PDB file of N, CA and C in Angstrom:
ATOM      1  N   MET A   1      32.055   6.984  -4.462  1.00  0.00           N
ATOM      2  CA  MET A   1      30.619   6.800  -4.329  1.00  0.00           C
ATOM      3  C   MET A   1      30.359   5.434  -3.837  1.00  0.00           C
ATOM      4  N   ILE A   2      29.362   5.338  -2.935  1.00  0.00           N
ATOM      5  CA  ILE A   2      28.912   4.032  -2.261  1.00  0.00           C
ATOM      6  C   ILE A   2      27.405   3.901  -2.762  1.00  0.00           C
ATOM      7  N   SER A   3      27.029   2.627  -3.047  1.00  0.00           N
ATOM      8  CA  SER A   3      25.739   2.418  -3.374  1.00  0.00           C
ATOM      9  C   SER A   3      25.039   1.502  -2.279  1.00  0.00           C
ATOM     10  N   ALA A   4      23.797   1.565  -2.154  1.00  0.00           N
ATOM     11  CA  ALA A   4      23.027   0.758  -1.240  1.00  0.00           C
ATOM     12  C   ALA A   4      22.029   0.008  -2.137  1.00  0.00           C
ATOM     13  N   ASN A   5      21.884  -1.293  -1.857  1.00  0.00           N
ATOM     14  CA  ASN A   5      20.958  -2.123  -2.678  1.00  0.00           C
ATOM     15  C   ASN A   5      19.996  -2.760  -1.654  1.00  0.00           C
ATOM     16  N   ILE A   6      18.757  -2.236  -1.611  1.00  0.00           N
ATOM     17  CA  ILE A   6      17.815  -2.571  -0.535  1.00  0.00           C
ATOM     18  C   ILE A   6      16.693  -3.471  -1.217  1.00  0.00           C
ATOM     19  N   ILE A   7      16.387  -4.680  -0.653  1.00  0.00           N
ATOM     20  CA  ILE A   7      15.347  -5.501  -1.162  1.00  0.00           C
ATOM     21  C   ILE A   7      14.185  -5.276  -0.290  1.00  0.00           C
ATOM     22  N   THR A   8      12.926  -5.230  -0.963  1.00  0.00           N
ATOM     23  CA  THR A   8      11.695  -4.909  -0.185  1.00  0.00           C
ATOM     24  C   THR A   8      10.518  -5.683  -0.675  1.00  0.00           C
ATOM     25  N   PHE A   9       9.568  -5.776   0.240  1.00  0.00           N
ATOM     26  CA  PHE A   9       8.219  -6.311  -0.040  1.00  0.00           C
ATOM     27  C   PHE A   9       7.305  -5.828   1.107  1.00  0.00           C
ATOM     28  N   ASN A  10       6.422  -4.858   0.692  1.00  0.00           N
ATOM     29  CA  ASN A  10       5.482  -4.305   1.695  1.00  0.00           C
ATOM     30  C   ASN A  10       6.126  -3.797   2.871  1.00  0.00           C
ATOM     31  N   GLU A  11       7.109  -2.872   2.671  1.00  0.00           N
ATOM     32  CA  GLU A  11       7.854  -2.173   3.779  1.00  0.00           C
ATOM     33  C   GLU A  11       7.550  -0.789   3.858  1.00  0.00           C
ATOM     34  N   GLU A  12       6.288  -0.408   3.633  1.00  0.00           N
ATOM     35  CA  GLU A  12       5.921   1.003   3.751  1.00  0.00           C
ATOM     36  C   GLU A  12       6.193   1.584   5.091  1.00  0.00           C
ATOM     37  N   ALA A  13       6.068   0.800   6.240  1.00  0.00           N
ATOM     38  CA  ALA A  13       6.360   1.361   7.503  1.00  0.00           C
ATOM     39  C   ALA A  13       7.845   1.558   7.831  1.00  0.00           C
ATOM     40  N   ASN A  14       8.734   0.887   7.110  1.00  0.00           N
ATOM     41  CA  ASN A  14      10.128   0.901   7.301  1.00  0.00           C
ATOM     42  C   ASN A  14      11.072   1.579   6.229  1.00  0.00           C
ATOM     43  N   ILE A  15      10.510   1.710   5.040  1.00  0.00           N
ATOM     44  CA  ILE A  15      11.471   2.151   3.906  1.00  0.00           C
ATOM     45  C   ILE A  15      12.008   3.466   4.020  1.00  0.00           C
ATOM     46  N   ALA A  16      11.217   4.396   4.622  1.00  0.00           N
ATOM     47  CA  ALA A  16      11.693   5.750   4.784  1.00  0.00           C
ATOM     48  C   ALA A  16      12.963   5.842   5.818  1.00  0.00           C
ATOM     49  N   ASP A  17      12.822   5.158   6.921  1.00  0.00           N
ATOM     50  CA  ASP A  17      13.817   5.170   7.868  1.00  0.00           C
ATOM     51  C   ASP A  17      15.030   4.382   7.376  1.00  0.00           C
ATOM     52  N   CYS A  18      14.914   3.379   6.551  1.00  0.00           N
ATOM     53  CA  CYS A  18      15.880   2.609   5.998  1.00  0.00           C
ATOM     54  C   CYS A  18      16.691   3.484   4.978  1.00  0.00           C
ATOM     55  N   ILE A  19      16.015   4.140   4.155  1.00  0.00           N
ATOM     56  CA  ILE A  19      16.653   5.019   3.173  1.00  0.00           C
ATOM     57  C   ILE A  19      17.336   6.151   3.846  1.00  0.00           C
ATOM     58  N   ALA A  20      16.797   6.765   4.854  1.00  0.00           N
ATOM     59  CA  ALA A  20      17.383   7.864   5.608  1.00  0.00           C
ATOM     60  C   ALA A  20      18.729   7.335   6.217  1.00  0.00           C
ATOM     61  N   SER A  21      18.722   6.179   6.823  1.00  0.00           N
ATOM     62  CA  SER A  21      19.844   5.572   7.432  1.00  0.00           C
ATOM     63  C   SER A  21      20.970   5.325   6.417  1.00  0.00           C
ATOM     64  N   VAL A  22      20.760   4.689   5.291  1.00  0.00           N
ATOM     65  CA  VAL A  22      21.737   4.460   4.300  1.00  0.00           C
ATOM     66  C   VAL A  22      22.308   5.692   3.642  1.00  0.00           C
ATOM     67  N   ARG A  23      21.315   6.695   3.443  1.00  0.00           N
ATOM     68  CA  ARG A  23      21.730   7.997   2.911  1.00  0.00           C
ATOM     69  C   ARG A  23      22.893   8.633   3.603  1.00  0.00           C
ATOM     70  N   GLN A  24      23.056   8.345   4.908  1.00  0.00           N
ATOM     71  CA  GLN A  24      24.046   8.986   5.586  1.00  0.00           C
ATOM     72  C   GLN A  24      25.493   8.561   5.118  1.00  0.00           C
ATOM     73  N   VAL A  25      25.512   7.431   4.409  1.00  0.00           N
ATOM     74  CA  VAL A  25      26.959   6.936   3.988  1.00  0.00           C
ATOM     75  C   VAL A  25      26.956   6.594   2.474  1.00  0.00           C
ATOM     76  N   CYS A  26      25.749   6.568   1.831  1.00  0.00           N
ATOM     77  CA  CYS A  26      25.555   6.115   0.445  1.00  0.00           C
ATOM     78  C   CYS A  26      25.123   7.289  -0.463  1.00  0.00           C
ATOM     79  N   ASP A  27      25.773   7.391  -1.599  1.00  0.00           N
ATOM     80  CA  ASP A  27      25.397   8.389  -2.618  1.00  0.00           C
ATOM     81  C   ASP A  27      24.384   7.878  -3.589  1.00  0.00           C
ATOM     82  N   ASP A  28      24.146   6.545  -3.717  1.00  0.00           N
ATOM     83  CA  ASP A  28      23.256   5.935  -4.691  1.00  0.00           C
ATOM     84  C   ASP A  28      22.451   4.873  -3.966  1.00  0.00           C
ATOM     85  N   ILE A  29      21.136   4.909  -4.161  1.00  0.00           N
ATOM     86  CA  ILE A  29      20.191   3.868  -3.380  1.00  0.00           C
ATOM     87  C   ILE A  29      19.269   3.238  -4.382  1.00  0.00           C
ATOM     88  N   VAL A  30      19.355   1.982  -4.502  1.00  0.00           N
ATOM     89  CA  VAL A  30      18.694   1.139  -5.384  1.00  0.00           C
ATOM     90  C   VAL A  30      17.704   0.241  -4.533  1.00  0.00           C
ATOM     91  N   VAL A  31      16.388   0.289  -4.721  1.00  0.00           N
ATOM     92  CA  VAL A  31      15.451  -0.539  -4.230  1.00  0.00           C
ATOM     93  C   VAL A  31      14.953  -1.577  -5.135  1.00  0.00           C
ATOM     94  N   VAL A  32      15.178  -2.861  -4.765  1.00  0.00           N
ATOM     95  CA  VAL A  32      14.673  -3.933  -5.558  1.00  0.00           C
ATOM     96  C   VAL A  32      13.358  -4.451  -4.839  1.00  0.00           C
ATOM     97  N   ASP A  33      12.254  -4.278  -5.469  1.00  0.00           N
ATOM     98  CA  ASP A  33      10.998  -4.525  -4.832  1.00  0.00           C
ATOM     99  C   ASP A  33      10.334  -5.771  -5.469  1.00  0.00           C
ATOM    100  N   SER A  34       9.683  -6.611  -4.578  1.00  0.00           N
ATOM    101  CA  SER A  34       9.111  -7.858  -4.996  1.00  0.00           C
ATOM    102  C   SER A  34       7.646  -7.857  -5.205  1.00  0.00           C
ATOM    103  N   GLY A  35       7.105  -6.671  -5.684  1.00  0.00           N
ATOM    104  CA  GLY A  35       5.655  -6.509  -5.956  1.00  0.00           C
ATOM    105  C   GLY A  35       4.948  -5.972  -4.762  1.00  0.00           C
ATOM    106  N   SER A  36       5.418  -5.110  -3.954  1.00  0.00           N
ATOM    107  CA  SER A  36       4.685  -4.521  -2.841  1.00  0.00           C
ATOM    108  C   SER A  36       3.356  -3.974  -3.266  1.00  0.00           C
ATOM    109  N   GLN A  37       2.340  -4.251  -2.418  1.00  0.00           N
ATOM    110  CA  GLN A  37       1.022  -3.827  -2.575  1.00  0.00           C
ATOM    111  C   GLN A  37       0.669  -2.638  -1.703  1.00  0.00           C
ATOM    112  N   ASP A  38       1.606  -2.058  -1.092  1.00  0.00           N
ATOM    113  CA  ASP A  38       1.481  -0.825  -0.230  1.00  0.00           C
ATOM    114  C   ASP A  38       2.136   0.389  -0.846  1.00  0.00           C
ATOM    115  N   ARG A  39       2.562   1.306  -0.135  1.00  0.00           N
ATOM    116  CA  ARG A  39       3.236   2.490  -0.676  1.00  0.00           C
ATOM    117  C   ARG A  39       4.725   2.417  -0.670  1.00  0.00           C
ATOM    118  N   THR A  40       5.294   1.190  -0.454  1.00  0.00           N
ATOM    119  CA  THR A  40       6.787   1.078  -0.485  1.00  0.00           C
ATOM    120  C   THR A  40       7.506   1.770  -1.591  1.00  0.00           C
ATOM    121  N   THR A  41       7.086   1.444  -2.891  1.00  0.00           N
ATOM    122  CA  THR A  41       7.853   2.004  -3.952  1.00  0.00           C
ATOM    123  C   THR A  41       7.603   3.449  -4.135  1.00  0.00           C
ATOM    124  N   ALA A  42       6.378   4.009  -3.867  1.00  0.00           N
ATOM    125  CA  ALA A  42       6.086   5.371  -3.989  1.00  0.00           C
ATOM    126  C   ALA A  42       6.991   6.079  -3.008  1.00  0.00           C
ATOM    127  N   ILE A  43       7.038   5.648  -1.791  1.00  0.00           N
ATOM    128  CA  ILE A  43       7.954   6.382  -0.845  1.00  0.00           C
ATOM    129  C   ILE A  43       9.336   6.405  -1.178  1.00  0.00           C
ATOM    130  N   ALA A  44       9.883   5.205  -1.763  1.00  0.00           N
ATOM    131  CA  ALA A  44      11.234   5.091  -2.134  1.00  0.00           C
ATOM    132  C   ALA A  44      11.437   6.043  -3.320  1.00  0.00           C
ATOM    133  N   HIS A  45      10.540   6.172  -4.261  1.00  0.00           N
ATOM    134  CA  HIS A  45      10.708   7.137  -5.407  1.00  0.00           C
ATOM    135  C   HIS A  45      10.650   8.545  -4.750  1.00  0.00           C
ATOM    136  N   GLU A  46       9.874   8.907  -3.862  1.00  0.00           N
ATOM    137  CA  GLU A  46       9.863  10.172  -3.351  1.00  0.00           C
ATOM    138  C   GLU A  46      11.105  10.547  -2.635  1.00  0.00           C
ATOM    139  N   LEU A  47      11.808   9.569  -2.114  1.00  0.00           N
ATOM    140  CA  LEU A  47      12.993   9.920  -1.345  1.00  0.00           C
ATOM    141  C   LEU A  47      14.227   9.804  -2.232  1.00  0.00           C
ATOM    142  N   GLY A  48      13.938   9.709  -3.563  1.00  0.00           N
ATOM    143  CA  GLY A  48      15.079   9.707  -4.529  1.00  0.00           C
ATOM    144  C   GLY A  48      15.812   8.376  -4.876  1.00  0.00           C
ATOM    145  N   ALA A  49      15.232   7.298  -4.405  1.00  0.00           N
ATOM    146  CA  ALA A  49      15.821   6.000  -4.649  1.00  0.00           C
ATOM    147  C   ALA A  49      15.439   5.550  -6.177  1.00  0.00           C
ATOM    148  N   GLN A  50      16.272   4.733  -6.793  1.00  0.00           N
ATOM    149  CA  GLN A  50      15.932   4.117  -7.931  1.00  0.00           C
ATOM    150  C   GLN A  50      15.192   2.853  -7.635  1.00  0.00           C
ATOM    151  N   VAL A  51      14.049   2.667  -8.155  1.00  0.00           N
ATOM    152  CA  VAL A  51      13.283   1.446  -7.732  1.00  0.00           C
ATOM    153  C   VAL A  51      13.189   0.531  -9.042  1.00  0.00           C
ATOM    154  N   VAL A  52      13.387  -0.768  -8.820  1.00  0.00           N
ATOM    155  CA  VAL A  52      13.196  -1.743  -9.930  1.00  0.00           C
ATOM    156  C   VAL A  52      12.383  -2.917  -9.345  1.00  0.00           C
ATOM    157  N   GLN A  53      11.577  -3.510 -10.185  1.00  0.00           N
ATOM    158  CA  GLN A  53      10.748  -4.589  -9.775  1.00  0.00           C
ATOM    159  C   GLN A  53      11.367  -5.956 -10.176  1.00  0.00           C
ATOM    160  N   GLN A  54      11.312  -6.896  -9.279  1.00  0.00           N
ATOM    161  CA  GLN A  54      11.827  -8.255  -9.621  1.00  0.00           C
ATOM    162  C   GLN A  54      11.039  -9.215  -8.610  1.00  0.00           C
ATOM    163  N   ALA A  55      10.490 -10.288  -9.204  1.00  0.00           N
ATOM    164  CA  ALA A  55       9.768 -11.216  -8.458  1.00  0.00           C
ATOM    165  C   ALA A  55      10.931 -11.843  -7.402  1.00  0.00           C
ATOM    166  N   TYR A  56      10.390 -12.163  -6.272  1.00  0.00           N
ATOM    167  CA  TYR A  56      11.322 -12.561  -5.117  1.00  0.00           C
ATOM    168  C   TYR A  56      11.914 -13.942  -5.480  1.00  0.00           C
ATOM    169  N   LEU A  57      13.245 -14.086  -5.470  1.00  0.00           N
ATOM    170  CA  LEU A  57      13.900 -15.222  -5.927  1.00  0.00           C
ATOM    171  C   LEU A  57      14.812 -15.766  -4.767  1.00  0.00           C
ATOM    172  N   GLY A  58      14.764 -15.079  -3.604  1.00  0.00           N
ATOM    173  CA  GLY A  58      15.622 -15.362  -2.492  1.00  0.00           C
ATOM    174  C   GLY A  58      16.531 -14.181  -2.217  1.00  0.00           C
ATOM    175  N   ASP A  59      16.933 -14.015  -0.901  1.00  0.00           N
ATOM    176  CA  ASP A  59      17.664 -12.838  -0.562  1.00  0.00           C
ATOM    177  C   ASP A  59      18.979 -12.521  -1.427  1.00  0.00           C
ATOM    178  N   GLY A  60      19.784 -13.593  -1.476  1.00  0.00           N
ATOM    179  CA  GLY A  60      21.053 -13.494  -2.257  1.00  0.00           C
ATOM    180  C   GLY A  60      20.851 -13.074  -3.685  1.00  0.00           C
ATOM    181  N   ILE A  61      20.032 -13.924  -4.357  1.00  0.00           N
ATOM    182  CA  ILE A  61      19.702 -13.670  -5.705  1.00  0.00           C
ATOM    183  C   ILE A  61      19.154 -12.251  -5.897  1.00  0.00           C
ATOM    184  N   GLN A  62      18.256 -11.890  -5.039  1.00  0.00           N
ATOM    185  CA  GLN A  62      17.472 -10.736  -5.210  1.00  0.00           C
ATOM    186  C   GLN A  62      18.523  -9.483  -5.152  1.00  0.00           C
ATOM    187  N   LYS A  63      19.442  -9.582  -4.215  1.00  0.00           N
ATOM    188  CA  LYS A  63      20.516  -8.415  -4.107  1.00  0.00           C
ATOM    189  C   LYS A  63      21.298  -8.487  -5.398  1.00  0.00           C
ATOM    190  N   LYS A  64      21.752  -9.635  -5.902  1.00  0.00           N
ATOM    191  CA  LYS A  64      22.613  -9.766  -7.071  1.00  0.00           C
ATOM    192  C   LYS A  64      21.870  -9.241  -8.291  1.00  0.00           C
ATOM    193  N   TYR A  65      20.462  -9.448  -8.347  1.00  0.00           N
ATOM    194  CA  TYR A  65      19.744  -9.063  -9.496  1.00  0.00           C
ATOM    195  C   TYR A  65      20.073  -7.656 -10.054  1.00  0.00           C
ATOM    196  N   ARG A  66      20.086  -6.682  -9.094  1.00  0.00           N
ATOM    197  CA  ARG A  66      20.302  -5.254  -9.529  1.00  0.00           C
ATOM    198  C   ARG A  66      21.567  -4.727  -9.043  1.00  0.00           C
ATOM    199  N   ALA A  67      22.464  -5.589  -8.589  1.00  0.00           N
ATOM    200  CA  ALA A  67      23.879  -5.057  -8.269  1.00  0.00           C
ATOM    201  C   ALA A  67      24.425  -4.239  -9.394  1.00  0.00           C
ATOM    202  N   SER A  68      24.160  -4.676 -10.634  1.00  0.00           N
ATOM    203  CA  SER A  68      24.709  -3.949 -11.768  1.00  0.00           C
ATOM    204  C   SER A  68      24.198  -2.578 -11.886  1.00  0.00           C
ATOM    205  N   ALA A  69      22.964  -2.248 -11.251  1.00  0.00           N
ATOM    206  CA  ALA A  69      22.321  -0.948 -11.336  1.00  0.00           C
ATOM    207  C   ALA A  69      23.013  -0.064 -10.283  1.00  0.00           C
ATOM    208  N   CYS A  70      23.696  -0.546  -9.359  1.00  0.00           N
ATOM    209  CA  CYS A  70      24.431   0.238  -8.423  1.00  0.00           C
ATOM    210  C   CYS A  70      25.672   0.823  -9.068  1.00  0.00           C
ATOM    211  N   LYS A  71      26.001   2.056  -8.852  1.00  0.00           N
ATOM    212  CA  LYS A  71      27.109   2.847  -9.449  1.00  0.00           C
ATOM    213  C   LYS A  71      28.380   2.422  -8.896  1.00  0.00           C
ATOM    214  N   ILE A  72      28.361   1.968  -7.704  1.00  0.00           N
ATOM    215  CA  ILE A  72      29.735   1.516  -6.974  1.00  0.00           C
ATOM    216  C   ILE A  72      29.284   0.539  -5.897  1.00  0.00           C
TER     217      ILE A  72
END
């Protein structure tokens, strides 16, 4: 099993394509969102991603925040 950990903030225009792209090689998709005010999280949920909220702390820290939520 391969997991994808995607960090987002107001990515409504891009999140569906991003998830579709990683879904080709990943079984598990986790979206770490920094308080989007658009439909980013709704779209991610609709496409089967696990969505968690975390205030933005920087790219590296943000990715590490929910790495434990990834299955592999």
